[in-house]
């Protein structure tokens, strides 16, 4: 119960801060305001870590410590914040008309002192459309919020605030927001199913880094060692890449392996030699402009050349190319990839299935994604499905899960999966593949299907084809149900008669105009 209360308080902090910050947005669109707010939250975060170590070094001056020596902070993996960028200085300057330039200069100063942040921080605060008064109020808002009793607690909450704000800005931006943000519940489901305890985690279309943050959470929440996983990523949108670098830095995650180039993963693979233990990704759906015409003879197309007009099966083969011999992948794709036969896609899907690479398919509910209403599914793949100490032999089986009826609406346009939904889907998968699992088919929800049956259905991977319909309730009482419906109908007919009488009475009261009037 105490943990639940803590989560409720934290959510209140996030929501309260968001509402207050959003009020200060005025005429700035969400895409621009995102950089303003998230940049300040990041600056506040690194200031907390800096001030903590600065106070410790100040207390140790007599022992030779120098609180203004950058090397002291580098040694402790803490960003050095120069005087002109420290939060105390910025907050004391918040009411000045030049506060925008002061913040921009502070961001430049931080980058100069911390090469790993070069080109990452936003310098947008002196723009004309950002009112200095509103900016000052925003700095005060972030500076004065009661995050907790300790600096460690403050840093932890700031991490959650940053993540929460990413989601809120994605909602505010709508379709464009989905390009940098995968909904949290989808990321949680992917990570819970793959269980990336140890090894190399790769996302070649990493957006704002949510897959990496959730992987880190998964390890730490299970008392694992965060040093046991290393992350690698690539992003073609530079603004989104900057968000990812800040998002990871605020979590203390080494982002050295997260690369940017404008060409993208297909044309300019930043990790050509990487073989990952886990691949977790949400590539853009059904991309037609992916330079497929320039890659007809690419070595990655082991299972068939993907069509020029759709990147879906290019992504799948890119992921497989980067899997280690025992690697696993969990990725999001448009639902059409489960059935499409256009331009050889059906043959590629058949080859993937016959090769034993497809482990599990999850049909997702509608309205989960911010940037598209296209139905989606999760594909789970494994290089080797042979039995080992943890996994049973599923070499000739595929697990199908139909989760279309799960989730709940968070607004009129968007749905999310609850923790219970995520646990249900993930535990079904684990019980199916783990040696000690207790799995059973559930009509209408899940089915373990031999590859031979999938072949009979022409290698279509839609879960609904295999899981069947849910069993009818055994305790259905026809007389009781009929009596209830009859009573409801009689009540509605009586109400209709009453309303008709009122309408007729009111019509009689209307005086019609006389001739000539």
Protein backbone atom coordinates (compact mmCIF):
# COMPACT_ATOMS: atom_id res chain seq x y z
CA UNK A 1 0.00 0.00 0.00
CA UNK A 2 2.87 2.39 0.83
CA UNK A 3 4.38 1.83 -2.62
CA UNK A 4 1.05 2.63 -4.28
CA UNK A 5 0.74 5.88 -2.31
CA UNK A 6 4.29 6.84 -3.33
CA UNK A 7 3.42 6.26 -7.00
CA UNK A 8 0.23 8.35 -6.67
CA UNK A 9 2.16 11.26 -5.10
CA UNK A 10 4.79 11.07 -7.82
CA UNK A 11 2.15 11.06 -10.55
CA UNK A 12 0.57 14.11 -8.93
CA UNK A 13 3.92 15.92 -9.09
CA UNK A 14 4.31 15.06 -12.77
CA UNK A 15 0.76 16.06 -13.68
CA UNK A 16 0.83 19.24 -11.62
CA UNK A 17 4.13 20.30 -13.15
CA UNK A 18 2.88 19.53 -16.65
CA UNK A 19 -0.32 21.55 -16.24
CA UNK A 20 1.60 24.53 -14.87
CA UNK A 21 4.26 24.35 -17.59
CA UNK A 22 1.67 23.95 -20.35
CA UNK A 23 -0.12 27.11 -19.18
CA UNK A 24 3.08 29.05 -19.81
CA UNK A 25 3.29 27.78 -23.39
CA UNK A 26 0.87 30.39 -24.75
CA UNK A 27 1.34 30.71 -28.53
CA UNK A 28 4.32 28.35 -28.89
CA UNK A 29 3.58 25.05 -30.60
CA UNK A 30 4.28 21.83 -28.70
CA UNK A 31 7.15 20.79 -31.00
CA UNK A 32 9.15 23.94 -30.14
CA UNK A 33 8.11 24.10 -26.50
CA UNK A 34 9.28 20.53 -26.01
CA UNK A 35 12.91 21.59 -26.41
CA UNK A 36 12.43 24.54 -24.05
CA UNK A 37 10.95 22.52 -21.17
CA UNK A 38 12.95 19.31 -21.52
CA UNK A 39 16.18 21.27 -21.82
CA UNK A 40 15.47 23.01 -18.50
CA UNK A 41 14.53 19.74 -16.78
CA UNK A 42 17.79 18.24 -18.00
CA UNK A 43 19.73 21.25 -16.75
CA UNK A 44 18.03 21.00 -13.36
CA UNK A 45 18.90 17.30 -13.20
CA UNK A 46 22.62 17.72 -13.91
CA UNK A 47 22.69 20.63 -11.46
CA UNK A 48 21.40 18.37 -8.66
CA UNK A 49 24.15 15.82 -9.27
CA UNK A 50 26.76 18.57 -9.61
CA UNK A 51 25.69 20.44 -6.45
CA UNK A 52 25.77 17.25 -4.40
CA UNK A 53 29.37 16.50 -5.38
CA UNK A 54 30.32 20.18 -5.17
CA UNK A 55 29.19 20.28 -1.53
CA UNK A 56 31.19 17.12 -0.74
CA UNK A 57 34.33 18.53 -2.37
CA UNK A 58 33.90 21.88 -0.60
CA UNK A 59 33.87 20.03 2.72
CA UNK A 60 37.14 18.32 1.72
CA UNK A 61 39.11 21.41 0.66
CA UNK A 62 41.51 21.02 3.59
CA UNK A 63 42.27 17.49 2.32
CA UNK A 64 43.22 18.91 -1.08
CA UNK A 65 39.89 18.68 -2.92
CA UNK A 66 39.05 21.39 -5.46
CA UNK A 67 35.29 21.92 -5.99
CA UNK A 68 35.97 23.86 -9.23
CA UNK A 69 38.21 21.22 -10.83
CA UNK A 70 36.37 19.59 -13.73
CA UNK A 71 38.44 16.41 -13.39
CA UNK A 72 36.96 15.82 -9.94
CA UNK A 73 33.52 15.50 -11.54
CA UNK A 74 34.65 13.51 -14.56
CA UNK A 75 36.15 10.93 -12.20
CA UNK A 76 32.72 10.46 -10.57
CA UNK A 77 30.81 10.39 -13.89
CA UNK A 78 29.12 13.71 -13.06
CA UNK A 79 28.69 16.54 -15.56
CA UNK A 80 30.65 19.67 -14.63
CA UNK A 81 28.38 22.72 -14.55
CA UNK A 82 30.25 26.06 -14.87
CA UNK A 83 29.12 29.00 -12.69
CA UNK A 84 27.21 30.73 -15.52
CA UNK A 85 25.00 27.64 -16.01
CA UNK A 86 24.34 26.59 -12.43
CA UNK A 87 20.69 26.44 -11.51
CA UNK A 88 21.09 28.83 -8.60
CA UNK A 89 22.51 31.46 -10.96
CA UNK A 90 19.81 30.93 -13.59
CA UNK A 91 17.02 31.08 -11.03
CA UNK A 92 18.42 34.27 -9.54
CA UNK A 93 18.42 35.75 -13.07
CA UNK A 94 14.96 34.49 -13.97
CA UNK A 95 13.28 37.92 -13.84
CA UNK A 96 15.78 39.62 -16.13
CA UNK A 97 14.66 40.53 -19.64
CA UNK A 98 17.79 38.83 -21.00
CA UNK A 99 17.09 35.48 -19.31
CA UNK A 100 16.77 33.74 -22.71
CA UNK A 101 20.32 34.67 -23.72
CA UNK A 102 21.58 33.79 -20.23
CA UNK A 103 20.18 30.25 -20.55
CA UNK A 104 21.50 29.81 -24.10
CA UNK A 105 24.95 30.94 -22.98
CA UNK A 106 24.72 28.52 -20.05
CA UNK A 107 23.94 25.63 -22.40
CA UNK A 108 26.97 26.58 -24.54
CA UNK A 109 29.16 26.69 -21.43
CA UNK A 110 28.02 23.21 -20.33
CA UNK A 111 28.79 21.76 -23.75
CA UNK A 112 32.23 23.37 -23.71
CA UNK A 113 33.04 21.71 -20.37
CA UNK A 114 31.49 18.31 -21.22
CA UNK A 115 32.50 17.05 -24.69
CA UNK A 116 29.98 14.16 -24.50
CA UNK A 117 27.17 16.75 -24.56
CA UNK A 118 28.53 18.63 -27.59
CA UNK A 119 25.70 19.47 -29.96
CA UNK A 120 23.08 17.91 -27.67
CA UNK A 121 21.60 20.73 -25.59
CA UNK A 122 18.94 23.09 -26.99
CA UNK A 123 19.86 26.72 -27.49
CA UNK A 124 16.37 28.08 -28.17
CA UNK A 125 15.71 30.31 -25.19
CA UNK A 126 16.45 33.70 -26.77
CA UNK A 127 13.93 33.21 -29.58
CA UNK A 128 11.48 36.08 -30.04
CA UNK A 129 8.39 33.90 -29.63
CA UNK A 130 9.48 32.87 -26.13
CA UNK A 131 8.36 35.58 -23.72
CA UNK A 132 11.11 36.30 -21.10
CA UNK A 133 8.50 36.54 -18.34
CA UNK A 134 7.07 33.13 -19.18
CA UNK A 135 10.57 31.66 -19.38
CA UNK A 136 11.40 33.11 -15.97
CA UNK A 137 8.19 31.68 -14.52
CA UNK A 138 9.05 28.28 -16.02
CA UNK A 139 12.51 28.35 -14.43
CA UNK A 140 10.95 29.21 -11.07
CA UNK A 141 8.37 26.45 -11.50
CA UNK A 142 10.99 23.78 -12.15
CA UNK A 143 13.33 25.19 -9.53
CA UNK A 144 10.76 25.42 -6.74
CA UNK A 145 8.88 22.17 -7.16
CA UNK A 146 9.13 19.96 -4.08
CA UNK A 147 10.72 16.83 -5.52
CA UNK A 148 11.62 15.20 -2.23
CA UNK A 149 13.80 15.29 0.83
CA UNK A 150 17.08 14.25 -0.76
CA UNK A 151 19.04 15.12 -3.86
CA UNK A 152 18.97 11.48 -4.92
CA UNK A 153 15.17 11.48 -4.66
CA UNK A 154 15.02 14.75 -6.63
CA UNK A 155 17.13 13.29 -9.44
CA UNK A 156 14.97 10.16 -9.55
CA UNK A 157 11.74 12.15 -9.76
CA UNK A 158 13.22 14.43 -12.42
CA UNK A 159 13.91 11.33 -14.50
CA UNK A 160 10.24 10.34 -14.23
CA UNK A 161 9.16 13.92 -14.99
CA UNK A 162 11.32 13.97 -18.12
CA UNK A 163 9.80 10.68 -19.30
CA UNK A 164 6.26 11.81 -18.45
CA UNK A 165 6.77 15.08 -20.34
CA UNK A 166 8.04 13.18 -23.40
CA UNK A 167 4.74 11.32 -23.46
CA UNK A 168 2.64 14.45 -22.92
CA UNK A 169 4.45 16.34 -25.68
CA UNK A 170 3.97 13.37 -27.99
CA UNK A 171 0.22 13.48 -27.26
CA UNK A 172 0.19 17.24 -27.84
CA UNK A 173 2.02 16.91 -31.16
CA UNK A 174 -0.21 14.05 -32.31
CA UNK A 175 1.06 12.38 -35.48
CA UNK A 176 4.47 14.08 -35.38
CA UNK A 177 4.89 13.17 -31.73
CA UNK A 178 4.73 9.48 -32.53
CA UNK A 179 7.93 9.81 -34.54
CA UNK A 180 10.02 10.27 -31.41
CA UNK A 181 7.94 8.45 -28.81
CA UNK A 182 6.69 4.88 -28.49
CA UNK A 183 3.86 4.68 -25.90
CA UNK A 184 5.17 3.55 -22.53
CA UNK A 185 2.84 0.55 -22.22
CA UNK A 186 4.06 -0.86 -25.55
CA UNK A 187 7.70 -0.43 -24.51
CA UNK A 188 7.01 -2.07 -21.14
CA UNK A 189 5.36 -5.03 -22.87
CA UNK A 190 8.30 -5.55 -25.24
CA UNK A 191 10.82 -5.40 -22.41
CA UNK A 192 8.78 -7.62 -20.06
CA UNK A 193 8.50 -10.27 -22.74
CA UNK A 194 12.17 -10.21 -23.80
CA UNK A 195 13.64 -9.85 -20.26
CA UNK A 196 16.97 -8.21 -21.19
CA UNK A 197 18.91 -9.07 -18.02
CA UNK A 198 22.37 -9.13 -19.54
CA UNK A 199 24.07 -8.37 -22.85
CA UNK A 200 23.91 -5.92 -25.75
CA UNK A 201 20.59 -4.14 -26.35
CA UNK A 202 20.12 -2.60 -29.81
CA UNK A 203 17.49 -0.30 -31.30
CA UNK A 204 18.34 0.88 -34.85
CA UNK A 205 15.44 3.38 -34.90
CA UNK A 206 15.67 4.46 -31.28
CA UNK A 207 13.57 7.65 -31.17
CA UNK A 208 13.94 9.31 -27.77
CA UNK A 209 15.48 6.21 -26.18
CA UNK A 210 12.47 4.77 -24.36
CA UNK A 211 13.45 1.16 -25.11
CA UNK A 212 16.80 1.67 -23.39
CA UNK A 213 15.30 3.42 -20.36
CA UNK A 214 12.77 0.63 -19.88
CA UNK A 215 15.50 -2.03 -20.23
CA UNK A 216 17.48 -0.29 -17.51
CA UNK A 217 14.38 -0.18 -15.29
CA UNK A 218 13.76 -3.87 -15.89
CA UNK A 219 17.26 -4.78 -14.69
CA UNK A 220 17.32 -2.52 -11.63
CA UNK A 221 13.80 -3.46 -10.49
CA UNK A 222 14.91 -7.09 -10.39
CA UNK A 223 18.03 -6.30 -8.38
CA UNK A 224 20.26 -6.85 -11.41
CA UNK A 225 23.40 -4.90 -12.32
CA UNK A 226 22.92 -2.10 -14.81
CA UNK A 227 26.54 -2.58 -15.89
CA UNK A 228 25.52 -5.99 -17.24
CA UNK A 229 23.77 -4.42 -20.22
CA UNK A 230 25.23 -2.14 -22.88
CA UNK A 231 23.12 -0.16 -25.32
CA UNK A 232 23.50 0.60 -29.01
CA UNK A 233 21.18 2.71 -31.10
CA UNK A 234 20.76 4.80 -34.22
CA UNK A 235 18.46 7.67 -35.12
CA UNK A 236 18.18 9.66 -38.35
CA UNK A 237 16.33 12.67 -36.91
CA UNK A 238 18.87 14.88 -35.15
CA UNK A 239 16.36 16.59 -32.84
CA UNK A 240 15.04 13.21 -31.72
CA UNK A 241 18.60 11.93 -31.24
CA UNK A 242 19.30 14.88 -28.94
CA UNK A 243 16.22 13.98 -26.89
CA UNK A 244 17.49 10.40 -26.63
CA UNK A 245 20.91 11.54 -25.42
CA UNK A 246 19.34 13.76 -22.75
CA UNK A 247 16.83 11.07 -21.77
CA UNK A 248 19.64 8.57 -21.23
CA UNK A 249 21.94 11.03 -19.48
CA UNK A 250 19.21 11.91 -17.00
CA UNK A 251 19.05 8.20 -16.16
CA UNK A 252 22.81 7.85 -15.86
CA UNK A 253 22.89 5.49 -18.86
CA UNK A 254 25.98 5.52 -21.06
CA UNK A 255 24.81 6.66 -24.49
CA UNK A 256 28.14 6.44 -26.29
CA UNK A 257 26.72 3.73 -28.55
CA UNK A 258 23.71 5.82 -29.63
CA UNK A 259 24.59 7.32 -33.02
CA UNK A 260 23.06 9.80 -35.42
CA UNK A 261 23.36 10.21 -39.14
CA UNK A 262 20.85 11.67 -41.58
CA UNK A 263 20.99 8.68 -43.96
CA UNK A 264 19.48 6.23 -41.46
CA UNK A 265 20.08 2.57 -40.65
CA UNK A 266 19.51 1.17 -44.14
CA UNK A 267 21.88 3.42 -46.08
CA UNK A 268 24.42 4.14 -43.35
CA UNK A 269 24.41 1.43 -40.70
CA UNK A 270 26.27 2.92 -37.73
CA UNK A 271 26.79 -0.51 -36.13
CA UNK A 272 27.73 -2.69 -39.09
CA UNK A 273 29.56 -5.32 -37.04
CA UNK A 274 27.24 -5.41 -34.02
CA UNK A 275 25.65 -8.71 -33.06
CA UNK A 276 23.08 -7.93 -30.36
CA UNK A 277 21.66 -10.16 -27.66
CA UNK A 278 18.39 -8.20 -27.68
CA UNK A 279 16.82 -6.01 -30.34
CA UNK A 280 13.84 -3.91 -29.24
CA UNK A 281 12.43 -1.56 -31.87
CA UNK A 282 9.44 0.30 -33.25
CA UNK A 283 10.35 1.20 -36.84
CA UNK A 284 8.06 3.55 -38.81
CA UNK A 285 5.18 1.64 -40.40
CA UNK A 286 4.99 0.92 -44.13
CA UNK A 287 7.69 3.40 -45.17
CA UNK A 288 7.84 3.71 -48.95
CA UNK A 289 10.73 6.20 -49.21
CA UNK A 290 13.48 4.05 -47.69
CA UNK A 291 15.97 3.94 -50.61
CA UNK A 292 15.10 0.33 -51.32
CA UNK A 293 15.96 0.84 -55.00
CA UNK A 294 19.60 1.50 -54.00
CA UNK A 295 19.85 -1.66 -51.92
CA UNK A 296 18.62 -4.40 -54.24
CA UNK A 297 21.71 -6.59 -53.73
CA UNK A 298 22.31 -5.87 -50.04
CA UNK A 299 23.82 -8.73 -48.02
CA UNK A 300 21.16 -8.31 -45.34
CA UNK A 301 18.42 -9.70 -47.58
CA UNK A 302 19.06 -13.37 -46.78
CA UNK A 303 15.39 -14.32 -46.99
CA UNK A 304 14.33 -12.31 -50.01
CA UNK A 305 14.66 -8.79 -51.39
CA UNK A 306 12.11 -6.46 -49.79
CA UNK A 307 9.90 -4.39 -52.14
CA UNK A 308 11.03 -0.89 -53.04
CA UNK A 309 7.68 0.49 -51.90
CA UNK A 310 7.63 -0.87 -48.32
CA UNK A 311 10.40 -1.17 -45.72
CA UNK A 312 8.65 -3.61 -43.33
CA UNK A 313 10.51 -6.73 -44.43
CA UNK A 314 13.68 -4.70 -44.84
CA UNK A 315 13.47 -3.85 -41.15
CA UNK A 316 12.82 -7.46 -40.15
CA UNK A 317 15.88 -8.66 -42.04
CA UNK A 318 17.99 -5.77 -40.72
CA UNK A 319 17.09 -6.89 -37.19
CA UNK A 320 17.90 -10.54 -37.93
CA UNK A 321 21.21 -9.53 -39.51
CA UNK A 322 22.21 -7.89 -36.23
CA UNK A 323 21.17 -10.73 -33.90
CA UNK A 324 23.84 -12.72 -32.08
CA UNK A 325 23.72 -16.54 -32.49
CA UNK A 326 21.41 -16.79 -29.47
CA UNK A 327 19.90 -13.32 -29.87
CA UNK A 328 16.24 -12.36 -29.51
CA UNK A 329 14.18 -9.55 -30.99
CA UNK A 330 10.87 -7.94 -30.12
CA UNK A 331 9.63 -5.40 -32.67
CA UNK A 332 6.48 -3.53 -33.69
CA UNK A 333 5.21 -3.75 -37.27
CA UNK A 334 2.06 -2.77 -39.11
CA UNK A 335 -0.46 -5.60 -38.98
CA UNK A 336 -0.46 -5.85 -42.77
CA UNK A 337 2.96 -7.53 -42.65
CA UNK A 338 1.26 -10.60 -41.13
CA UNK A 339 -0.63 -11.32 -44.36
CA UNK A 340 0.85 -9.26 -47.21
CA UNK A 341 1.98 -11.02 -50.38
CA UNK A 342 2.84 -7.87 -52.33
CA UNK A 343 6.10 -7.87 -54.31
CA UNK A 344 7.48 -11.00 -52.69
CA UNK A 345 6.62 -10.17 -49.06
CA UNK A 346 4.71 -13.43 -48.69
CA UNK A 347 7.76 -15.40 -49.81
CA UNK A 348 10.02 -13.58 -47.35
CA UNK A 349 7.56 -14.28 -44.51
CA UNK A 350 7.42 -17.96 -45.54
CA UNK A 351 11.24 -18.17 -45.49
CA UNK A 352 11.42 -16.60 -42.02
CA UNK A 353 8.86 -19.11 -40.72
CA UNK A 354 10.52 -22.12 -42.37
CA UNK A 355 13.87 -21.03 -40.98
CA UNK A 356 12.36 -21.21 -37.47
CA UNK A 357 12.99 -17.56 -36.65
CA UNK A 358 9.44 -16.56 -35.68
CA UNK A 359 8.77 -17.24 -32.01
CA UNK A 360 5.59 -15.36 -31.14
CA UNK A 361 3.09 -12.95 -32.70
CA UNK A 362 0.96 -10.61 -30.57
CA UNK A 363 -2.02 -8.83 -32.11
CA UNK A 364 -2.27 -5.41 -30.42
CA UNK A 365 -5.39 -3.34 -29.61
CA UNK A 366 -6.25 -0.38 -31.84
CA UNK A 367 -5.42 3.24 -30.91
CA UNK A 368 -2.21 2.49 -28.99
CA UNK A 369 0.02 4.65 -31.18
CA UNK A 370 0.00 8.43 -31.37
CA UNK A 371 1.09 8.88 -34.98
CA UNK A 372 -1.04 6.31 -36.78
CA UNK A 373 -4.35 4.45 -36.63
CA UNK A 374 -2.82 1.57 -38.62
CA UNK A 375 -3.36 -1.72 -36.69
CA UNK A 376 -0.11 -3.14 -35.32
CA UNK A 377 1.36 -6.39 -34.07
CA UNK A 378 4.46 -7.46 -32.16
CA UNK A 379 6.91 -9.91 -33.73
CA UNK A 380 9.21 -11.89 -31.44
CA UNK A 381 12.11 -13.65 -33.11
CA UNK A 382 14.89 -15.94 -31.88
CA UNK A 383 18.00 -17.03 -33.74
CA UNK A 384 17.99 -20.45 -32.08
CA UNK A 385 14.82 -22.00 -30.68
CA UNK A 386 16.52 -25.21 -29.59
CA UNK A 387 16.16 -26.18 -25.91
CA UNK A 388 18.59 -25.03 -23.24
CA UNK A 389 18.64 -24.64 -19.47
CA UNK A 390 15.91 -21.97 -19.60
CA UNK A 391 13.91 -22.50 -22.81
CA UNK A 392 12.09 -25.63 -23.97
CA UNK A 393 12.14 -26.86 -27.57
CA UNK A 394 9.73 -24.69 -29.59
CA UNK A 395 11.59 -25.14 -32.88
CA UNK A 396 8.48 -26.22 -34.79
CA UNK A 397 5.92 -24.05 -32.99
CA UNK A 398 4.76 -20.45 -33.03
CA UNK A 399 2.80 -18.85 -30.18
CA UNK A 400 -0.09 -16.61 -31.23
CA UNK A 401 -1.62 -14.12 -28.77
CA UNK A 402 -4.69 -12.06 -29.69
CA UNK A 403 -4.69 -9.04 -27.37
CA UNK A 404 -7.06 -6.88 -29.43
CA UNK A 405 -9.62 -6.72 -26.62
CA UNK A 406 -7.18 -5.59 -23.93
CA UNK A 407 -6.30 -2.04 -22.92
CA UNK A 408 -8.37 0.97 -21.89
CA UNK A 409 -8.98 4.44 -23.34
CA UNK A 410 -6.99 7.33 -21.85
CA UNK A 411 -8.80 9.84 -24.09
CA UNK A 412 -11.14 9.65 -27.07
CA UNK A 413 -8.32 8.84 -29.50
CA UNK A 414 -5.77 6.85 -27.53
CA UNK A 415 -5.65 3.59 -25.64
CA UNK A 416 -3.02 2.05 -23.37
CA UNK A 417 -2.32 -1.33 -21.83
CA UNK A 418 -2.62 -1.67 -18.06
CA UNK A 419 -0.04 -3.39 -15.89
CA UNK A 420 -2.43 -6.35 -15.62
CA UNK A 421 -2.69 -6.54 -19.43
CA UNK A 422 1.11 -6.49 -19.77
CA UNK A 423 1.53 -9.15 -17.08
CA UNK A 424 -1.07 -11.38 -18.76
CA UNK A 425 0.55 -11.23 -22.19
CA UNK A 426 4.14 -11.54 -20.90
CA UNK A 427 3.37 -14.41 -18.52
CA UNK A 428 1.60 -16.30 -21.33
CA UNK A 429 4.74 -16.02 -23.44
CA UNK A 430 7.06 -17.01 -20.58
CA UNK A 431 4.92 -19.98 -19.60
CA UNK A 432 4.99 -21.14 -23.21
CA UNK A 433 8.72 -20.89 -23.86
CA UNK A 434 10.25 -21.53 -20.42
CA UNK A 435 11.19 -25.03 -19.31
CA UNK A 436 9.33 -24.65 -16.02
CA UNK A 437 6.31 -22.86 -17.57
CA UNK A 438 2.72 -24.04 -17.23
CA UNK A 439 1.12 -23.19 -20.57
CA UNK A 440 -2.33 -23.98 -21.96
CA UNK A 441 -4.13 -22.69 -25.04
CA UNK A 442 -6.98 -20.30 -24.20
CA UNK A 443 -9.70 -20.09 -26.83
CA UNK A 444 -9.93 -16.57 -28.23
CA UNK A 445 -6.66 -15.45 -26.64
CA UNK A 446 -3.65 -17.71 -27.24
CA UNK A 447 -2.64 -20.82 -29.15
CA UNK A 448 0.61 -22.72 -29.68
CA UNK A 449 0.54 -23.75 -33.34
CA UNK A 450 2.74 -26.18 -35.29
CA UNK A 451 4.57 -24.61 -38.22
CA UNK A 452 2.93 -27.27 -40.41
CA UNK A 453 -0.50 -25.78 -39.68
CA UNK A 454 0.80 -22.27 -40.45
CA UNK A 455 2.04 -23.66 -43.78
CA UNK A 456 -1.45 -25.06 -44.49
CA UNK A 457 -2.86 -21.55 -44.06
CA UNK A 458 -0.34 -20.20 -46.60
CA UNK A 459 2.02 -18.78 -43.94
CA UNK A 460 -0.43 -16.13 -42.75
CA UNK A 461 0.48 -14.98 -39.22
CA UNK A 462 -2.73 -13.28 -38.05
CA UNK A 463 -3.39 -14.57 -34.49
CA UNK A 464 -7.17 -14.54 -35.01
CA UNK A 465 -6.79 -17.35 -37.58
CA UNK A 466 -5.36 -19.65 -34.92
CA UNK A 467 -6.71 -18.76 -31.47
CA UNK A 468 -10.37 -19.25 -32.42
CA UNK A 469 -13.32 -17.78 -30.59
CA UNK A 470 -13.60 -17.50 -26.80
CA UNK A 471 -15.63 -20.20 -25.07
CA UNK A 472 -19.21 -19.22 -24.23
CA UNK A 473 -20.04 -18.80 -20.58
CA UNK A 474 -21.39 -22.06 -19.13
CA UNK A 475 -23.72 -20.28 -16.70
CA UNK A 476 -25.74 -18.47 -19.38
CA UNK A 477 -29.41 -18.51 -18.33
CA UNK A 478 -31.77 -17.93 -21.28
CA UNK A 479 -34.93 -17.35 -19.23
CA UNK A 480 -33.17 -14.86 -16.95
CA UNK A 481 -31.60 -12.98 -19.89
CA UNK A 482 -34.89 -12.93 -21.87
CA UNK A 483 -36.87 -11.68 -18.85
CA UNK A 484 -34.32 -8.89 -18.30
CA UNK A 485 -34.38 -7.78 -21.94
CA UNK A 486 -38.23 -7.92 -22.03
CA UNK A 487 -38.45 -5.71 -18.93
CA UNK A 488 -36.02 -3.20 -20.45
CA UNK A 489 -38.00 -3.09 -23.70
CA UNK A 490 -41.32 -2.57 -21.86
CA UNK A 491 -39.76 0.26 -19.85
CA UNK A 492 -38.49 1.94 -23.02
CA UNK A 493 -41.89 1.59 -24.74
CA UNK A 494 -43.63 3.15 -21.73
CA UNK A 495 -41.17 6.03 -21.77
CA UNK A 496 -41.75 6.49 -25.51
CA UNK A 497 -45.56 6.68 -24.96
CA UNK A 498 -45.07 9.26 -22.20
CA UNK A 499 -42.85 11.42 -24.41
CA UNK A 500 -45.28 11.16 -27.33
CA UNK A 501 -48.12 12.38 -25.08
CA UNK A 502 -46.06 15.39 -23.94
CA UNK A 503 -45.17 16.27 -27.55
CA UNK A 504 -48.83 16.04 -28.63
CA UNK A 505 -49.93 18.26 -25.72
CA UNK A 506 -47.30 20.89 -26.56
CA UNK A 507 -48.30 20.88 -30.24
CA UNK A 508 -51.90 21.76 -29.28
CA UNK A 509 -50.63 24.86 -27.44
CA UNK A 510 -48.98 26.28 -30.54
CA UNK A 511 -51.08 29.06 -32.09
CA UNK A 512 -50.99 29.00 -35.87
CA UNK A 513 -50.93 32.39 -37.67
CA UNK A 514 -54.29 33.58 -39.04
CA UNK A 515 -54.83 34.21 -42.74
CA UNK A 516 -53.27 37.46 -43.80
CA UNK A 517 -50.88 37.73 -40.84
